[in-house]
Amino acid sequence: MSINEKAMLVKLSISQWYNRVIDHKVTDEIAQKYEVTEQEDKYVKTLLPRIAVRNIQRAISDLRKFHYANTLPWQDGSVRILSSSNFFHYQQGIAARRAKLDEAVAEFVSNYPKWLDHARRTKKGLFDETQYPTASGIRDHYKINITFLPFPNVADFRVDIDDKELERIKAQTIQALTEALSSANQSLIDRLYERVHLLYSALNDPERIFRDSTVTSIMETADLVERLNVTNDARVNSAVAATRTALQDVHPDMLRNSPNFRNKVALRCAELLTAFKKES
């Protein structure tokens, strides 16, 4: 099975209301007061208290975090690689987080008149009604767009140019794809390294209290890394297998209740981290 059948490209775009505006009136007043001729400095005004859009920002952050966690880096930061084996998990996760965002936006729109009154009272002379959208208009600022694109196939690269030049372009494209996929595979090993290193650091500090997720997230990451390994890279497979062998029997309570077992697991983590570095 070719890479084109195992992966696709995905782009996530999020538009939102940014809750701030350049106040040109205040900017001009400051410029006149201090006799500034070149107005490179701007007075940026926050329209509503940040708490007003806090739930929306959290929902957007969670959506972006999920998108990046479930895809691989591509040449352009706004476009990512999505494996076909992770497609439905990705779709379900995005749908759930989109619903959370819609709920947060609906709540904000419902309370918007109250926040607008709050701005009138607190902004006083700085309040300008024209700088605020309507309640119905503010909903339109929030949009999520996800675009799926086929993974590049050099064999289908057809353009009406000189054959020699076409072959040169194809060779460059193949090299770029190889480098991009190599970087993506390394990012998978890096994910495992980060999770294991977090546990290793916690285990080597007897006074440190760690959450269950410090342990359980390692196996979750291993499962995700396996799904994202679109090239079936041997280094990635080896890292996943080694992680499962070393840590799949580890439970948070066992680490808390047995210093001896804690030390053994810390040693396993150290060996894993060394192996991961060799894979890099």
Protein backbone atom coordinates (compact mmCIF):
# COMPACT_ATOMS: atom_id res chain seq x y z
CA MET A 1 0.00 0.00 0.00
CA SER A 2 1.45 3.37 -1.06
CA ILE A 3 1.75 6.40 1.18
CA ASN A 4 -1.02 8.06 -0.85
CA GLU A 5 -3.44 5.39 0.38
CA LYS A 6 -2.28 5.60 3.99
CA ALA A 7 -2.25 9.35 4.50
CA MET A 8 -3.79 12.63 3.45
CA LEU A 9 -3.19 16.29 4.18
CA VAL A 10 -5.50 18.30 6.40
CA LYS A 11 -5.74 22.02 7.06
CA LEU A 12 -7.54 23.51 10.04
CA SER A 13 -8.65 27.14 9.84
CA ILE A 14 -10.28 28.95 12.76
CA SER A 15 -11.71 32.45 12.47
CA GLN A 16 -12.78 34.31 15.58
CA TRP A 17 -13.59 37.67 17.12
CA TYR A 18 -10.40 39.00 18.67
CA ASN A 19 -11.97 41.30 21.29
CA ARG A 20 -9.64 44.18 20.61
CA VAL A 21 -9.40 47.15 18.30
CA ILE A 22 -7.04 50.01 17.53
CA ASP A 23 -8.57 53.19 18.94
CA HIS A 24 -7.56 55.83 16.40
CA LYS A 25 -9.12 58.66 18.40
CA VAL A 26 -7.01 57.94 21.48
CA THR A 27 -3.95 57.33 19.29
CA ASP A 28 -4.38 60.79 17.72
CA GLU A 29 -4.92 62.43 21.12
CA ILE A 30 -1.71 60.90 22.50
CA ALA A 31 0.21 61.91 19.38
CA GLN A 32 -1.00 65.51 19.74
CA LYS A 33 -0.28 65.62 23.46
CA TYR A 34 3.31 64.47 23.08
CA GLU A 35 3.78 66.17 19.72
CA VAL A 36 4.55 62.95 17.93
CA THR A 37 4.59 63.36 14.17
CA GLU A 38 5.03 59.71 13.14
CA GLN A 39 2.25 57.64 14.63
CA GLU A 40 3.89 54.23 14.67
CA ASP A 41 2.57 53.55 18.17
CA LYS A 42 -1.06 52.49 18.40
CA TYR A 43 -3.50 52.37 21.27
CA VAL A 44 -4.97 48.85 21.26
CA LYS A 45 -8.12 48.57 23.31
CA THR A 46 -9.65 45.40 24.76
CA LEU A 47 -13.37 45.70 24.18
CA LEU A 48 -14.70 43.25 26.77
CA PRO A 49 -13.11 41.64 29.85
CA ARG A 50 -11.12 38.54 28.86
CA ILE A 51 -13.34 36.46 31.13
CA ALA A 52 -16.21 37.13 28.73
CA VAL A 53 -14.60 34.97 26.03
CA ARG A 54 -12.61 32.67 28.32
CA ASN A 55 -14.69 29.55 27.58
CA ILE A 56 -14.47 30.22 23.86
CA GLN A 57 -10.70 30.59 24.01
CA ARG A 58 -10.41 27.37 25.99
CA ALA A 59 -12.55 25.52 23.43
CA ILE A 60 -10.46 26.87 20.53
CA SER A 61 -7.23 25.97 22.32
CA ASP A 62 -8.50 22.44 22.99
CA LEU A 63 -9.53 22.03 19.34
CA ARG A 64 -6.13 23.19 18.07
CA LYS A 65 -4.33 20.98 20.59
CA PHE A 66 -6.31 17.93 19.46
CA HIS A 67 -5.65 18.75 15.80
CA TYR A 68 -1.90 18.97 16.31
CA ALA A 69 -1.77 15.91 18.56
CA ASN A 70 -3.56 13.74 16.01
CA THR A 71 -1.64 14.83 12.93
CA LEU A 72 1.98 15.08 11.82
CA PRO A 73 4.00 18.10 10.71
CA TRP A 74 4.13 18.93 7.02
CA GLN A 75 6.15 21.50 5.11
CA ASP A 76 3.63 24.25 5.77
CA GLY A 77 2.69 24.73 9.42
CA SER A 78 -0.97 25.27 8.55
CA VAL A 79 -1.16 21.94 6.69
CA ARG A 80 -0.63 18.64 8.54
CA ILE A 81 -0.44 14.93 7.69
CA LEU A 82 -3.37 12.78 8.78
CA SER A 83 -3.06 9.01 8.64
CA SER A 84 -6.02 7.06 7.28
CA SER A 85 -5.90 4.80 10.35
CA ASN A 86 -6.49 7.83 12.56
CA PHE A 87 -9.10 9.47 10.32
CA PHE A 88 -12.26 8.45 12.19
CA HIS A 89 -10.74 9.15 15.59
CA TYR A 90 -9.74 12.58 14.26
CA GLN A 91 -13.20 13.25 12.81
CA GLN A 92 -14.95 12.24 16.01
CA GLY A 93 -12.60 14.30 18.17
CA ILE A 94 -12.96 17.39 16.00
CA ALA A 95 -16.76 17.04 15.94
CA ALA A 96 -16.92 16.80 19.73
CA ARG A 97 -14.69 19.84 20.18
CA ARG A 98 -16.55 21.81 17.52
CA ALA A 99 -19.75 21.15 19.48
CA LYS A 100 -18.07 22.44 22.66
CA LEU A 101 -17.00 25.57 20.83
CA ASP A 102 -20.52 26.09 19.46
CA GLU A 103 -21.88 25.82 23.02
CA ALA A 104 -19.37 28.37 24.30
CA VAL A 105 -20.16 30.78 21.47
CA ALA A 106 -23.93 30.38 22.03
CA GLU A 107 -23.48 31.14 25.74
CA PHE A 108 -21.38 34.20 24.95
CA VAL A 109 -23.88 35.50 22.39
CA SER A 110 -26.70 35.02 24.93
CA ASN A 111 -24.79 37.06 27.52
CA TYR A 112 -23.43 39.59 25.03
CA PRO A 113 -25.94 42.39 25.84
CA LYS A 114 -24.89 42.17 29.51
CA TRP A 115 -21.20 42.36 28.58
CA LEU A 116 -21.95 45.32 26.34
CA ASP A 117 -23.62 47.13 29.26
CA HIS A 118 -20.59 46.26 31.39
CA ALA A 119 -18.32 47.88 28.78
CA ARG A 120 -20.44 51.04 28.76
CA ARG A 121 -20.07 51.38 32.51
CA THR A 122 -16.39 50.51 32.81
CA LYS A 123 -14.93 52.00 29.63
CA LYS A 124 -16.68 55.32 30.24
CA GLY A 125 -15.19 57.88 27.86
CA LEU A 126 -13.34 55.20 25.94
CA PHE A 127 -16.54 53.35 25.06
CA ASP A 128 -17.47 53.58 21.39
CA GLU A 129 -20.59 51.68 20.33
CA THR A 130 -19.45 51.55 16.71
CA GLN A 131 -16.47 49.38 17.65
CA TYR A 132 -18.69 46.55 18.87
CA PRO A 133 -20.42 44.05 16.57
CA THR A 134 -24.05 43.12 17.05
CA ALA A 135 -24.96 40.00 19.00
CA SER A 136 -26.00 38.21 15.79
CA GLY A 137 -22.95 39.48 13.93
CA ILE A 138 -20.51 38.32 16.55
CA ARG A 139 -21.58 34.70 16.06
CA ASP A 140 -20.53 34.93 12.42
CA HIS A 141 -16.96 35.71 13.49
CA TYR A 142 -16.51 32.15 14.75
CA LYS A 143 -16.03 29.61 12.00
CA ILE A 144 -14.17 26.31 11.73
CA ASN A 145 -13.04 25.06 8.36
CA ILE A 146 -11.28 21.75 7.79
CA THR A 147 -9.94 20.94 4.35
CA PHE A 148 -8.72 17.49 3.32
CA LEU A 149 -6.26 17.20 0.45
CA PRO A 150 -4.73 14.17 -1.28
CA PHE A 151 -1.17 13.34 -0.35
CA PRO A 152 1.19 14.40 -3.17
CA ASN A 153 1.87 11.71 -5.76
CA VAL A 154 4.96 12.40 -7.82
CA ALA A 155 3.88 9.83 -10.40
CA ASP A 156 0.87 12.02 -11.22
CA PHE A 157 3.01 15.13 -11.62
CA ARG A 158 2.12 16.28 -15.14
CA VAL A 159 2.90 19.67 -16.62
CA ASP A 160 3.72 20.85 -20.10
CA ILE A 161 7.43 21.63 -19.72
CA ASP A 162 10.73 20.21 -20.97
CA ASP A 163 11.17 16.55 -19.96
CA LYS A 164 14.55 17.17 -18.39
CA GLU A 165 13.19 20.03 -16.29
CA LEU A 166 10.19 17.93 -15.32
CA GLU A 167 12.44 15.13 -14.06
CA ARG A 168 14.47 17.65 -12.06
CA ILE A 169 11.31 18.98 -10.42
CA LYS A 170 10.13 15.44 -9.67
CA ALA A 171 13.47 14.63 -8.04
CA GLN A 172 13.24 17.77 -5.91
CA THR A 173 9.68 16.87 -4.93
CA ILE A 174 10.68 13.34 -3.94
CA GLN A 175 13.51 14.73 -1.84
CA ALA A 176 11.15 17.20 -0.15
CA LEU A 177 8.61 14.46 0.58
CA THR A 178 11.33 12.19 1.99
CA GLU A 179 12.61 14.93 4.29
CA ALA A 180 9.09 15.85 5.42
CA LEU A 181 8.20 12.26 6.26
CA SER A 182 11.52 11.72 8.03
CA SER A 183 10.82 14.80 10.15
CA ALA A 184 7.31 13.52 10.86
CA ASN A 185 8.65 10.15 12.00
CA GLN A 186 11.17 11.83 14.27
CA SER A 187 8.37 13.89 15.81
CA LEU A 188 6.64 10.62 16.77
CA ILE A 189 9.71 9.36 18.59
CA ASP A 190 10.00 12.77 20.23
CA ARG A 191 6.45 12.43 21.54
CA LEU A 192 7.30 9.18 23.26
CA TYR A 193 10.53 10.64 24.59
CA GLU A 194 8.68 13.61 26.14
CA ARG A 195 6.10 11.41 27.89
CA VAL A 196 8.67 8.94 29.23
CA HIS A 197 10.99 11.75 30.31
CA LEU A 198 8.15 13.35 32.26
CA LEU A 199 7.61 10.11 34.18
CA TYR A 200 11.36 9.61 34.64
CA SER A 201 11.70 13.09 36.18
CA ALA A 202 8.79 12.44 38.53
CA LEU A 203 10.17 9.09 39.68
CA ASN A 204 13.58 10.56 40.47
CA ASP A 205 12.10 13.11 42.85
CA PRO A 206 10.82 11.21 45.95
CA GLU A 207 8.97 14.29 47.16
CA ARG A 208 7.19 14.92 43.89
CA ILE A 209 3.49 14.11 43.60
CA PHE A 210 2.47 13.13 40.08
CA ARG A 211 -0.92 12.61 38.51
CA ASP A 212 -2.18 9.30 37.17
CA SER A 213 -2.06 10.79 33.67
CA THR A 214 1.74 11.04 33.92
CA VAL A 215 1.71 7.23 33.70
CA THR A 216 -1.43 6.45 31.68
CA SER A 217 -0.68 9.01 28.97
CA ILE A 218 2.41 7.04 27.94
CA MET A 219 0.41 4.07 26.65
CA GLU A 220 -2.14 6.44 25.09
CA THR A 221 0.70 8.20 23.30
CA ALA A 222 2.15 4.87 22.13
CA ASP A 223 -1.24 3.90 20.65
CA LEU A 224 -1.55 7.26 18.89
CA VAL A 225 2.01 7.14 17.60
CA GLU A 226 1.32 3.71 16.12
CA ARG A 227 -1.75 5.05 14.30
CA LEU A 228 0.20 8.03 12.98
CA ASN A 229 3.12 5.98 11.65
CA VAL A 230 2.02 6.34 8.03
CA THR A 231 5.30 5.04 6.58
CA ASN A 232 5.46 2.04 8.93
CA ASP A 233 8.87 3.36 9.98
CA ALA A 234 10.95 0.68 11.71
CA ARG A 235 12.41 3.16 14.22
CA VAL A 236 8.94 4.26 15.29
CA ASN A 237 7.69 0.68 15.53
CA SER A 238 10.71 -0.21 17.66
CA ALA A 239 10.13 2.75 19.97
CA VAL A 240 6.46 1.85 20.43
CA ALA A 241 7.24 -1.82 21.10
CA ALA A 242 9.98 -0.95 23.59
CA THR A 243 7.68 1.45 25.42
CA ARG A 244 4.93 -1.14 25.75
CA THR A 245 7.32 -3.84 26.91
CA ALA A 246 8.87 -1.63 29.55
CA LEU A 247 5.83 0.20 30.92
CA GLN A 248 2.54 -1.48 30.04
CA ASP A 249 2.37 -3.22 33.44
CA VAL A 250 2.99 0.00 35.40
CA HIS A 251 0.14 1.45 37.48
CA PRO A 252 0.32 4.79 39.30
CA ASP A 253 -0.58 3.28 42.68
CA MET A 254 2.18 0.69 42.34
CA LEU A 255 4.69 3.50 41.95
CA ARG A 256 3.32 5.37 44.94
CA ASN A 257 3.22 2.35 47.25
CA SER A 258 6.44 0.57 46.37
CA PRO A 259 9.75 2.49 46.44
CA ASN A 260 11.52 -0.58 45.09
CA PHE A 261 9.19 -0.85 42.10
CA ARG A 262 9.47 2.91 41.60
CA ASN A 263 13.25 2.59 41.29
CA LYS A 264 12.94 -0.29 38.83
CA VAL A 265 10.57 1.69 36.63
CA ALA A 266 12.85 4.72 36.78
CA LEU A 267 15.65 2.48 35.46
CA ARG A 268 13.39 1.22 32.66
CA CYS A 269 12.59 4.82 31.73
CA ALA A 270 16.29 5.71 31.65
CA GLU A 271 16.97 2.80 29.30
CA LEU A 272 14.08 3.85 27.07
CA LEU A 273 15.31 7.43 26.88
CA THR A 274 18.76 6.24 25.90
CA ALA A 275 17.27 4.01 23.20
CA PHE A 276 15.13 6.86 21.87
CA LYS A 277 18.19 9.08 21.50
CA LYS A 278 19.91 6.37 19.50
CA GLU A 279 16.88 6.21 17.22
CA SER A 280 17.12 9.97 16.54
